[in-house]
Protein backbone atom coordinates (compact mmCIF):
# COMPACT_ATOMS: atom_id res chain seq x y z
CA MET A 1 52.51 127.41 31.07
CA ASP A 2 50.05 124.72 31.92
CA LYS A 3 51.26 121.55 33.65
CA LYS A 4 51.41 119.29 30.58
CA ASP A 5 53.31 121.86 28.51
CA TRP A 6 55.67 122.64 31.40
CA TYR A 7 56.66 118.98 31.71
CA SER A 8 56.98 118.61 27.92
CA TRP A 9 59.34 121.59 27.87
CA LEU A 10 61.28 120.20 30.84
CA ALA A 11 61.81 116.93 28.94
CA PHE A 12 62.95 118.89 25.87
CA ARG A 13 65.46 120.87 27.93
CA GLU A 14 66.85 117.72 29.54
CA ASN A 15 67.58 116.16 26.15
CA ILE A 16 71.33 116.13 25.54
CA GLU A 17 71.27 115.37 21.81
CA PRO A 18 73.08 118.00 19.71
CA THR A 19 70.35 118.04 17.04
CA ILE A 20 66.65 118.77 17.21
CA SER A 21 64.27 116.13 15.91
CA LYS A 22 61.19 116.81 13.79
CA GLU A 23 59.00 116.00 16.80
CA GLU A 24 60.87 118.56 18.89
CA ILE A 25 60.49 121.20 16.18
CA LYS A 26 56.78 120.46 16.17
CA LEU A 27 56.68 120.84 19.98
CA ILE A 28 58.57 124.15 19.83
CA SER A 29 56.25 125.46 17.11
CA LYS A 30 53.11 124.33 18.93
CA LEU A 31 54.11 125.81 22.29
CA HIS A 32 55.33 129.08 20.79
CA ALA A 33 52.11 129.52 18.82
CA LYS A 34 50.03 128.79 21.93
CA TYR A 35 51.87 131.07 24.35
CA PHE A 36 52.86 133.87 22.00
CA ASN A 37 49.50 134.12 20.23
CA HIS A 38 50.20 133.31 16.63
CA VAL A 39 49.09 130.73 14.12
CA PHE A 40 50.84 127.36 14.36
CA ALA A 41 53.50 127.13 11.66
CA ILE A 42 56.65 125.07 11.38
CA PRO A 43 59.52 127.14 9.95
CA CYS A 44 60.29 126.22 6.36
CA SER A 45 63.42 124.16 5.86
CA CYS A 46 63.97 125.67 2.41
CA SER A 47 66.05 128.39 4.06
CA PRO A 48 68.07 126.56 6.74
CA LYS A 49 69.84 129.61 8.22
CA LYS A 50 66.63 131.60 8.54
CA SER A 51 64.64 128.71 10.02
CA LYS A 52 67.49 127.88 12.44
CA ARG A 53 67.53 131.48 13.71
CA LYS A 54 63.75 131.45 14.13
CA ILE A 55 63.80 128.12 16.03
CA GLU A 56 66.62 129.38 18.28
CA LYS A 57 64.66 132.58 18.98
CA TRP A 58 61.55 130.59 19.84
CA ILE A 59 63.53 128.28 22.14
CA ASN A 60 65.01 131.28 23.95
CA GLU A 61 61.59 132.88 24.39
CA LEU A 62 60.09 129.63 25.66
CA ASN A 63 63.05 129.13 28.02
CA THR A 64 62.51 132.61 29.46
CA MET A 65 58.84 131.83 30.00
CA PHE A 66 59.71 128.44 31.54
CA GLU A 67 62.24 129.95 33.93
CA THR A 68 60.11 132.89 35.08
CA GLN A 69 56.90 131.02 35.82
CA PRO A 70 56.49 128.92 38.96
CA LYS A 71 56.74 125.16 38.69
CA PRO A 72 53.26 123.59 38.46
CA ARG A 73 52.00 121.77 41.49
CA TYR A 74 52.31 118.02 41.51
CA ARG A 75 48.59 117.44 41.94
């Protein structure tokens, strides 16, 4: 993960709100598309259970990536 994305994901993880905002869904979708090589797409809210599972899967994959890569240097 590049430095900007790493810090964006850190801020997302530190959020203690029980719900995910539209901006956070956009961030999750953008980062997952970038790092997992697929076209940017926000999961459709017409099927809430399916989109929730997809978002949760993407968060878990991004968390794994975040935790396994070294923290970017400050400079």
